[in-house]
Amino acid sequence: MQRIRLRYTKRGRLRFTSHRDFQRAFERALRRAEVPMAYSAGFTPHPKVSYANAAPTGTGSEAEYLEIALTEHRDPATLRELLDESLPAGLDITDAVEARTSGLADRLTASVWELRLEGVAVEDAHKAVETFLAAETVEVQRRTKNGMRTFDTRGAVVELQALPQADRPVDKPCAILRLVVRHLTPAVRPDDVLSGLRAVADLAPPVPAAVTRLAQGLFDEESGTVTDPLAPDREAAPAAPPKAAGTASATAPEGPAA
């Protein structure tokens, strides 16, 4: 059995697809691309697909991950192209590697998010960010399947910056928040951080924020960056054997006859 790990996106209008909608679309793409999928046992076999930490409905993403199990060996690059062609534009397969290490989900410990705040001046966003970061705790409430829960958003936030939107007209302010958040339990989402900014600094965008996940992976404490979770699989791949060099006699022109 071969395992392939894929990175995919949710762009444009497709950010509003639910995780279940994506599952249906992806399984259709597997059938169209004639991928030799491994199936689970039991009365209702289903393709062996493992989804890891999907983004909430309504948020865009450049860094979603899943793993599939195959019954026959396939080239990851070719498989990526076939699946990408079989999915609607906006749900794009951007990377594929053969799984050579364990624990993909364990390497998804943090995310980098971009929050676009239309109608908010960058100066106001910067002041709100300073207030948020200066607080020891910022508690918010969110309704979950187990009822209303209160949790601290400040503890999950590793980095939060307010940046100006490039080439933006003066009369149309727009602030960009760059957020790095750890994956804790309960999970702290970008909208939770916005609720925290509203609670401690009264920052309330006039329209809903456009949220996009830019990266997802292992948080490097030393560099403060989120690393590529597929890098260990690439590094574990065996080196390609060197091509045999042709002999000089095979390529050299013949000399004049004696």
C-alpha atoms as a PDB file:
ATOM      1  CA  MET A   1       0.000   0.000   0.000  1.00  0.00           C
ATOM      2  CA  GLN A   2       1.311   3.449  -0.965  1.00  0.00           C
ATOM      3  CA  ARG A   3       0.376   6.587   0.967  1.00  0.00           C
ATOM      4  CA  ILE A   4       0.322  10.006  -0.707  1.00  0.00           C
ATOM      5  CA  ARG A   5       0.046  13.310   1.142  1.00  0.00           C
ATOM      6  CA  LEU A   6      -1.586  16.239  -0.639  1.00  0.00           C
ATOM      7  CA  ARG A   7      -1.759  19.969  -0.054  1.00  0.00           C
ATOM      8  CA  TYR A   8      -4.839  21.745  -1.396  1.00  0.00           C
ATOM      9  CA  THR A   9      -6.451  25.180  -1.373  1.00  0.00           C
ATOM     10  CA  LYS A  10      -9.879  26.748  -0.863  1.00  0.00           C
ATOM     11  CA  ARG A  11     -10.021  29.952  -2.902  1.00  0.00           C
ATOM     12  CA  GLY A  12     -12.608  32.484  -3.999  1.00  0.00           C
ATOM     13  CA  ARG A  13     -16.222  31.381  -3.678  1.00  0.00           C
ATOM     14  CA  LEU A  14     -15.096  27.851  -2.810  1.00  0.00           C
ATOM     15  CA  ARG A  15     -14.110  29.110   0.660  1.00  0.00           C
ATOM     16  CA  PHE A  16     -17.800  28.764   1.533  1.00  0.00           C
ATOM     17  CA  THR A  17     -17.823  25.023   0.901  1.00  0.00           C
ATOM     18  CA  SER A  18     -18.180  22.956   4.048  1.00  0.00           C
ATOM     19  CA  HIS A  19     -15.755  20.169   4.879  1.00  0.00           C
ATOM     20  CA  ARG A  20     -18.421  17.622   3.921  1.00  0.00           C
ATOM     21  CA  ASP A  21     -18.898  19.352   0.539  1.00  0.00           C
ATOM     22  CA  PHE A  22     -15.164  19.106  -0.089  1.00  0.00           C
ATOM     23  CA  GLN A  23     -15.141  15.431   0.862  1.00  0.00           C
ATOM     24  CA  ARG A  24     -17.819  14.696  -1.739  1.00  0.00           C
ATOM     25  CA  ALA A  25     -16.011  16.724  -4.409  1.00  0.00           C
ATOM     26  CA  PHE A  26     -12.695  15.051  -3.637  1.00  0.00           C
ATOM     27  CA  GLU A  27     -14.114  11.535  -3.772  1.00  0.00           C
ATOM     28  CA  ARG A  28     -15.658  12.347  -7.168  1.00  0.00           C
ATOM     29  CA  ALA A  29     -12.235  13.581  -8.315  1.00  0.00           C
ATOM     30  CA  LEU A  30     -10.668  10.297  -7.182  1.00  0.00           C
ATOM     31  CA  ARG A  31     -13.120   8.362  -9.333  1.00  0.00           C
ATOM     32  CA  ARG A  32     -12.664  10.646 -12.375  1.00  0.00           C
ATOM     33  CA  ALA A  33      -8.886  10.380 -12.126  1.00  0.00           C
ATOM     34  CA  GLU A  34      -9.175   6.570 -11.747  1.00  0.00           C
ATOM     35  CA  VAL A  35      -6.985   6.567  -8.652  1.00  0.00           C
ATOM     36  CA  PRO A  36      -6.470   2.992  -7.355  1.00  0.00           C
ATOM     37  CA  MET A  37      -7.767   3.735  -3.869  1.00  0.00           C
ATOM     38  CA  ALA A  38      -7.556   1.386  -0.904  1.00  0.00           C
ATOM     39  CA  TYR A  39     -10.901   0.889   0.846  1.00  0.00           C
ATOM     40  CA  SER A  40     -11.862   0.234   4.431  1.00  0.00           C
ATOM     41  CA  ALA A  41     -13.324  -3.116   5.448  1.00  0.00           C
ATOM     42  CA  GLY A  42     -16.857  -3.701   6.710  1.00  0.00           C
ATOM     43  CA  PHE A  43     -20.396  -3.427   5.352  1.00  0.00           C
ATOM     44  CA  THR A  44     -19.923   0.107   3.967  1.00  0.00           C
ATOM     45  CA  PRO A  45     -16.392   0.349   2.530  1.00  0.00           C
ATOM     46  CA  HIS A  46     -15.139   3.871   1.870  1.00  0.00           C
ATOM     47  CA  PRO A  47     -11.908   5.249   0.380  1.00  0.00           C
ATOM     48  CA  LYS A  48      -9.052   5.541   2.838  1.00  0.00           C
ATOM     49  CA  VAL A  49      -8.698   9.319   3.053  1.00  0.00           C
ATOM     50  CA  SER A  50      -7.426  11.064   6.194  1.00  0.00           C
ATOM     51  CA  TYR A  51      -8.233  14.762   6.521  1.00  0.00           C
ATOM     52  CA  ALA A  52      -6.135  16.895   8.872  1.00  0.00           C
ATOM     53  CA  ASN A  53      -7.365  20.020  10.673  1.00  0.00           C
ATOM     54  CA  ALA A  54      -9.666  21.459   8.011  1.00  0.00           C
ATOM     55  CA  ALA A  55     -10.287  25.211   7.955  1.00  0.00           C
ATOM     56  CA  PRO A  56     -13.717  26.473   9.129  1.00  0.00           C
ATOM     57  CA  THR A  57     -16.435  27.042   6.525  1.00  0.00           C
ATOM     58  CA  GLY A  58     -16.216  30.561   5.089  1.00  0.00           C
ATOM     59  CA  THR A  59     -12.450  30.904   5.420  1.00  0.00           C
ATOM     60  CA  GLY A  60     -10.040  30.602   2.538  1.00  0.00           C
ATOM     61  CA  SER A  61      -6.895  28.540   2.755  1.00  0.00           C
ATOM     62  CA  GLU A  62      -3.638  27.992   0.926  1.00  0.00           C
ATOM     63  CA  ALA A  63      -2.580  25.142   3.200  1.00  0.00           C
ATOM     64  CA  GLU A  64      -5.013  22.277   3.728  1.00  0.00           C
ATOM     65  CA  TYR A  65      -3.689  18.717   3.982  1.00  0.00           C
ATOM     66  CA  LEU A  66      -4.928  15.166   3.525  1.00  0.00           C
ATOM     67  CA  GLU A  67      -3.521  11.679   3.017  1.00  0.00           C
ATOM     68  CA  ILE A  68      -4.759   8.914   0.730  1.00  0.00           C
ATOM     69  CA  ALA A  69      -3.894   5.206   0.597  1.00  0.00           C
ATOM     70  CA  LEU A  70      -3.440   3.462  -2.763  1.00  0.00           C
ATOM     71  CA  THR A  71      -3.357  -0.196  -3.764  1.00  0.00           C
ATOM     72  CA  GLU A  72      -0.947   0.467  -6.653  1.00  0.00           C
ATOM     73  CA  HIS A  73       2.097   2.704  -6.888  1.00  0.00           C
ATOM     74  CA  ARG A  74       1.618   6.074  -8.563  1.00  0.00           C
ATOM     75  CA  ASP A  75       3.947   9.003  -9.231  1.00  0.00           C
ATOM     76  CA  PRO A  76       2.925  11.812  -6.811  1.00  0.00           C
ATOM     77  CA  ALA A  77       3.462  14.602  -9.369  1.00  0.00           C
ATOM     78  CA  THR A  78       1.328  12.889 -12.010  1.00  0.00           C
ATOM     79  CA  LEU A  79      -1.346  12.080  -9.447  1.00  0.00           C
ATOM     80  CA  ARG A  80      -1.430  15.719  -8.344  1.00  0.00           C
ATOM     81  CA  GLU A  81      -2.061  16.904 -11.913  1.00  0.00           C
ATOM     82  CA  LEU A  82      -4.842  14.367 -12.504  1.00  0.00           C
ATOM     83  CA  LEU A  83      -6.649  15.245  -9.278  1.00  0.00           C
ATOM     84  CA  ASP A  84      -6.243  18.982  -9.823  1.00  0.00           C
ATOM     85  CA  GLU A  85      -7.828  18.683 -13.269  1.00  0.00           C
ATOM     86  CA  SER A  86     -10.748  16.746 -11.752  1.00  0.00           C
ATOM     87  CA  LEU A  87     -11.587  19.347  -9.079  1.00  0.00           C
ATOM     88  CA  PRO A  88     -13.388  22.678  -9.603  1.00  0.00           C
ATOM     89  CA  ALA A  89     -11.285  25.830  -9.852  1.00  0.00           C
ATOM     90  CA  GLY A  90     -10.645  27.112  -6.346  1.00  0.00           C
ATOM     91  CA  LEU A  91     -10.145  23.644  -4.908  1.00  0.00           C
ATOM     92  CA  ASP A  92      -6.620  23.198  -6.202  1.00  0.00           C
ATOM     93  CA  ILE A  93      -4.111  20.439  -5.431  1.00  0.00           C
ATOM     94  CA  THR A  94      -0.813  22.319  -5.115  1.00  0.00           C
ATOM     95  CA  ASP A  95       1.584  19.672  -3.789  1.00  0.00           C
ATOM     96  CA  ALA A  96       1.921  15.901  -3.467  1.00  0.00           C
ATOM     97  CA  VAL A  97       4.562  13.727  -1.816  1.00  0.00           C
ATOM     98  CA  GLU A  98       4.839  10.068  -0.960  1.00  0.00           C
ATOM     99  CA  ALA A  99       4.403   9.551   2.803  1.00  0.00           C
ATOM    100  CA  ARG A 100       7.731   8.301   4.130  1.00  0.00           C
ATOM    101  CA  THR A 101       7.316   9.406   7.751  1.00  0.00           C
ATOM    102  CA  SER A 102       4.566   9.017  10.336  1.00  0.00           C
ATOM    103  CA  GLY A 103       2.421  11.566  12.105  1.00  0.00           C
ATOM    104  CA  LEU A 104       1.340  14.213   9.589  1.00  0.00           C
ATOM    105  CA  ALA A 105      -1.364  15.454  11.971  1.00  0.00           C
ATOM    106  CA  ASP A 106       1.228  15.763  14.745  1.00  0.00           C
ATOM    107  CA  ARG A 107       3.168  18.233  12.592  1.00  0.00           C
ATOM    108  CA  LEU A 108       0.190  20.579  12.225  1.00  0.00           C
ATOM    109  CA  THR A 109       0.695  22.503  15.461  1.00  0.00           C
ATOM    110  CA  ALA A 110       0.196  26.098  14.283  1.00  0.00           C
ATOM    111  CA  SER A 111      -1.320  28.202  11.493  1.00  0.00           C
ATOM    112  CA  VAL A 112      -0.567  31.531   9.858  1.00  0.00           C
ATOM    113  CA  TRP A 113      -3.731  33.500   9.086  1.00  0.00           C
ATOM    114  CA  GLU A 114      -4.417  36.714   7.190  1.00  0.00           C
ATOM    115  CA  LEU A 115      -7.478  38.746   8.190  1.00  0.00           C
ATOM    116  CA  ARG A 116      -8.586  41.511   5.831  1.00  0.00           C
ATOM    117  CA  LEU A 117     -10.504  44.228   7.717  1.00  0.00           C
ATOM    118  CA  GLU A 118     -12.343  46.454   5.245  1.00  0.00           C
ATOM    119  CA  GLY A 119     -13.217  49.878   6.636  1.00  0.00           C
ATOM    120  CA  VAL A 120     -10.645  49.720   9.456  1.00  0.00           C
ATOM    121  CA  ALA A 121      -7.719  52.150   9.502  1.00  0.00           C
ATOM    122  CA  VAL A 122      -4.362  50.482  10.076  1.00  0.00           C
ATOM    123  CA  GLU A 123      -3.665  52.891  12.976  1.00  0.00           C
ATOM    124  CA  ASP A 124      -6.804  51.720  14.786  1.00  0.00           C
ATOM    125  CA  ALA A 125      -5.931  48.084  14.127  1.00  0.00           C
ATOM    126  CA  HIS A 126      -2.384  48.624  15.408  1.00  0.00           C
ATOM    127  CA  LYS A 127      -3.629  50.134  18.692  1.00  0.00           C
ATOM    128  CA  ALA A 128      -6.067  47.248  19.162  1.00  0.00           C
ATOM    129  CA  VAL A 129      -3.295  44.718  18.522  1.00  0.00           C
ATOM    130  CA  GLU A 130      -1.025  46.384  21.108  1.00  0.00           C
ATOM    131  CA  THR A 131      -3.823  46.254  23.687  1.00  0.00           C
ATOM    132  CA  PHE A 132      -4.529  42.597  22.930  1.00  0.00           C
ATOM    133  CA  LEU A 133      -0.866  41.564  23.167  1.00  0.00           C
ATOM    134  CA  ALA A 134      -0.380  43.487  26.417  1.00  0.00           C
ATOM    135  CA  ALA A 135      -3.168  41.557  28.134  1.00  0.00           C
ATOM    136  CA  GLU A 136      -2.337  38.428  30.141  1.00  0.00           C
ATOM    137  CA  THR A 137      -5.602  36.748  29.172  1.00  0.00           C
ATOM    138  CA  VAL A 138      -8.371  37.599  26.709  1.00  0.00           C
ATOM    139  CA  GLU A 139     -11.409  35.433  27.319  1.00  0.00           C
ATOM    140  CA  VAL A 140     -14.174  34.990  24.763  1.00  0.00           C
ATOM    141  CA  GLN A 141     -17.254  32.806  24.498  1.00  0.00           C
ATOM    142  CA  ARG A 142     -18.261  30.561  21.618  1.00  0.00           C
ATOM    143  CA  ARG A 143     -21.065  28.084  21.234  1.00  0.00           C
ATOM    144  CA  THR A 144     -19.803  24.572  20.517  1.00  0.00           C
ATOM    145  CA  LYS A 145     -21.583  21.237  20.099  1.00  0.00           C
ATOM    146  CA  ASN A 146     -21.214  20.843  23.877  1.00  0.00           C
ATOM    147  CA  GLY A 147     -22.792  24.224  24.597  1.00  0.00           C
ATOM    148  CA  MET A 148     -21.376  27.665  25.327  1.00  0.00           C
ATOM    149  CA  ARG A 149     -17.668  27.629  26.252  1.00  0.00           C
ATOM    150  CA  THR A 150     -15.369  30.316  27.605  1.00  0.00           C
ATOM    151  CA  PHE A 151     -11.677  30.139  26.760  1.00  0.00           C
ATOM    152  CA  ASP A 152      -8.544  32.289  26.575  1.00  0.00           C
ATOM    153  CA  THR A 153      -7.523  33.472  23.105  1.00  0.00           C
ATOM    154  CA  ARG A 154      -4.381  35.306  24.192  1.00  0.00           C
ATOM    155  CA  GLY A 155      -2.548  32.137  25.216  1.00  0.00           C
ATOM    156  CA  ALA A 156      -2.826  30.631  21.737  1.00  0.00           C
ATOM    157  CA  VAL A 157      -1.595  33.706  19.844  1.00  0.00           C
ATOM    158  CA  VAL A 158       2.130  33.579  19.062  1.00  0.00           C
ATOM    159  CA  GLU A 159       2.235  36.636  16.806  1.00  0.00           C
ATOM    160  CA  LEU A 160      -0.230  39.353  15.778  1.00  0.00           C
ATOM    161  CA  GLN A 161       0.579  42.275  13.494  1.00  0.00           C
ATOM    162  CA  ALA A 162      -1.441  45.061  11.865  1.00  0.00           C
ATOM    163  CA  LEU A 163      -0.266  45.882   8.344  1.00  0.00           C
ATOM    164  CA  PRO A 164      -1.520  48.385   5.733  1.00  0.00           C
ATOM    165  CA  GLN A 165      -3.177  47.206   2.548  1.00  0.00           C
ATOM    166  CA  ALA A 166      -0.846  48.059  -0.335  1.00  0.00           C
ATOM    167  CA  ASP A 167      -2.064  50.512  -3.001  1.00  0.00           C
ATOM    168  CA  ARG A 168      -5.210  51.300  -1.052  1.00  0.00           C
ATOM    169  CA  PRO A 169      -7.082  54.607  -1.651  1.00  0.00           C
ATOM    170  CA  VAL A 170      -6.958  56.923   1.367  1.00  0.00           C
ATOM    171  CA  ASP A 171     -10.750  57.192   1.505  1.00  0.00           C
ATOM    172  CA  LYS A 172     -11.130  53.373   1.635  1.00  0.00           C
ATOM    173  CA  PRO A 173      -9.180  52.153   4.665  1.00  0.00           C
ATOM    174  CA  CYS A 174      -8.314  48.490   4.998  1.00  0.00           C
ATOM    175  CA  ALA A 175      -6.089  46.887   7.628  1.00  0.00           C
ATOM    176  CA  ILE A 176      -4.485  43.477   7.312  1.00  0.00           C
ATOM    177  CA  LEU A 177      -3.930  41.379  10.420  1.00  0.00           C
ATOM    178  CA  ARG A 178      -1.211  38.722  10.236  1.00  0.00           C
ATOM    179  CA  LEU A 179      -1.861  36.099  12.906  1.00  0.00           C
ATOM    180  CA  VAL A 180       0.142  33.067  14.043  1.00  0.00           C
ATOM    181  CA  VAL A 181      -1.875  30.854  16.385  1.00  0.00           C
ATOM    182  CA  ARG A 182      -1.083  27.551  18.052  1.00  0.00           C
ATOM    183  CA  HIS A 183      -3.484  24.636  17.674  1.00  0.00           C
ATOM    184  CA  LEU A 184      -4.691  24.121  21.217  1.00  0.00           C
ATOM    185  CA  THR A 185      -7.725  22.453  22.776  1.00  0.00           C
ATOM    186  CA  PRO A 186     -10.224  24.010  22.457  1.00  0.00           C
ATOM    187  CA  ALA A 187      -9.050  25.368  19.111  1.00  0.00           C
ATOM    188  CA  VAL A 188      -8.698  29.148  18.884  1.00  0.00           C
ATOM    189  CA  ARG A 189      -9.971  30.338  15.502  1.00  0.00           C
ATOM    190  CA  PRO A 190      -9.393  33.686  13.764  1.00  0.00           C
ATOM    191  CA  ASP A 191     -12.939  34.804  14.572  1.00  0.00           C
ATOM    192  CA  ASP A 192     -12.192  34.142  18.250  1.00  0.00           C
ATOM    193  CA  VAL A 193      -9.220  36.522  18.040  1.00  0.00           C
ATOM    194  CA  LEU A 194     -11.469  39.120  16.406  1.00  0.00           C
ATOM    195  CA  SER A 195     -13.916  38.677  19.303  1.00  0.00           C
ATOM    196  CA  GLY A 196     -11.006  39.206  21.678  1.00  0.00           C
ATOM    197  CA  LEU A 197      -9.963  42.403  19.899  1.00  0.00           C
ATOM    198  CA  ARG A 198     -13.528  43.638  20.154  1.00  0.00           C
ATOM    199  CA  ALA A 199     -13.643  42.809  23.866  1.00  0.00           C
ATOM    200  CA  VAL A 200     -10.364  44.478  24.913  1.00  0.00           C
ATOM    201  CA  ALA A 201     -10.054  47.294  22.351  1.00  0.00           C
ATOM    202  CA  ASP A 202     -13.544  47.803  20.897  1.00  0.00           C
ATOM    203  CA  LEU A 203     -12.290  46.942  17.393  1.00  0.00           C
ATOM    204  CA  ALA A 204     -15.388  46.152  15.323  1.00  0.00           C
ATOM    205  CA  PRO A 205     -14.985  45.996  11.517  1.00  0.00           C
ATOM    206  CA  PRO A 206     -18.074  47.327   9.691  1.00  0.00           C
ATOM    207  CA  VAL A 207     -18.138  44.246   7.424  1.00  0.00           C
ATOM    208  CA  PRO A 208     -17.129  40.631   8.133  1.00  0.00           C
ATOM    209  CA  ALA A 209     -13.410  39.989   7.834  1.00  0.00           C
ATOM    210  CA  ALA A 210     -12.061  38.029   4.866  1.00  0.00           C
ATOM    211  CA  VAL A 211      -9.948  35.279   6.451  1.00  0.00           C
ATOM    212  CA  THR A 212      -7.325  33.135   4.692  1.00  0.00           C
ATOM    213  CA  ARG A 213      -4.980  30.510   6.096  1.00  0.00           C
ATOM    214  CA  LEU A 214      -1.559  31.106   4.526  1.00  0.00           C
ATOM    215  CA  ALA A 215       0.401  28.264   6.120  1.00  0.00           C
ATOM    216  CA  GLN A 216      -0.020  25.360   8.492  1.00  0.00           C
ATOM    217  CA  GLY A 217       2.626  23.172  10.059  1.00  0.00           C
ATOM    218  CA  LEU A 218       5.036  22.649  12.907  1.00  0.00           C
ATOM    219  CA  PHE A 219       5.861  25.781  14.896  1.00  0.00           C
ATOM    220  CA  ASP A 220       9.621  26.322  15.173  1.00  0.00           C
ATOM    221  CA  GLU A 221      10.302  27.876  18.584  1.00  0.00           C
ATOM    222  CA  GLU A 222      13.776  29.127  17.620  1.00  0.00           C
ATOM    223  CA  SER A 223      12.857  30.933  14.404  1.00  0.00           C
ATOM    224  CA  GLY A 224       9.233  31.688  15.304  1.00  0.00           C
ATOM    225  CA  THR A 225       8.075  30.353  11.942  1.00  0.00           C
ATOM    226  CA  VAL A 226       5.609  27.703  10.800  1.00  0.00           C
ATOM    227  CA  THR A 227       7.450  25.043   8.803  1.00  0.00           C
ATOM    228  CA  ASP A 228       6.316  22.956   5.824  1.00  0.00           C
ATOM    229  CA  PRO A 229       4.779  19.701   7.170  1.00  0.00           C
ATOM    230  CA  LEU A 230       5.625  17.833   3.951  1.00  0.00           C
ATOM    231  CA  ALA A 231       9.352  18.653   4.142  1.00  0.00           C
ATOM    232  CA  PRO A 232      10.250  15.560   6.255  1.00  0.00           C
ATOM    233  CA  ASP A 233       8.734  13.293   3.589  1.00  0.00           C
ATOM    234  CA  ARG A 234      10.761  14.978   0.835  1.00  0.00           C
ATOM    235  CA  GLU A 235      13.934  14.745   2.889  1.00  0.00           C
ATOM    236  CA  ALA A 236      13.316  11.032   3.525  1.00  0.00           C
ATOM    237  CA  ALA A 237      12.957  10.252  -0.185  1.00  0.00           C
ATOM    238  CA  PRO A 238      15.860   8.185  -1.565  1.00  0.00           C
ATOM    239  CA  ALA A 239      18.237  10.014  -3.849  1.00  0.00           C
ATOM    240  CA  ALA A 240      17.844   9.309  -7.559  1.00  0.00           C
ATOM    241  CA  PRO A 241      20.542   6.973  -8.883  1.00  0.00           C
ATOM    242  CA  PRO A 242      23.168   8.744 -11.008  1.00  0.00           C
ATOM    243  CA  LYS A 243      22.817   8.320 -14.745  1.00  0.00           C
ATOM    244  CA  ALA A 244      25.383   6.058 -16.324  1.00  0.00           C
ATOM    245  CA  ALA A 245      27.952   8.034 -18.285  1.00  0.00           C
ATOM    246  CA  GLY A 246      28.383   7.044 -21.908  1.00  0.00           C
ATOM    247  CA  THR A 247      31.756   5.693 -23.017  1.00  0.00           C
ATOM    248  CA  ALA A 248      34.060   7.928 -24.985  1.00  0.00           C
ATOM    249  CA  SER A 249      34.201   5.437 -27.832  1.00  0.00           C
ATOM    250  CA  ALA A 250      30.430   5.505 -28.197  1.00  0.00           C
ATOM    251  CA  THR A 251      30.296   9.242 -28.882  1.00  0.00           C
ATOM    252  CA  ALA A 252      33.680  10.129 -30.339  1.00  0.00           C
ATOM    253  CA  PRO A 253      33.846  10.391 -34.118  1.00  0.00           C
ATOM    254  CA  GLU A 254      35.903   7.768 -35.890  1.00  0.00           C
ATOM    255  CA  GLY A 255      39.380   8.776 -36.967  1.00  0.00           C
ATOM    256  CA  PRO A 256      40.712   8.365 -40.492  1.00  0.00           C
ATOM    257  CA  ALA A 257      41.494   4.851 -41.562  1.00  0.00           C
ATOM    258  CA  ALA A 258      45.134   3.835 -41.329  1.00  0.00           C
END
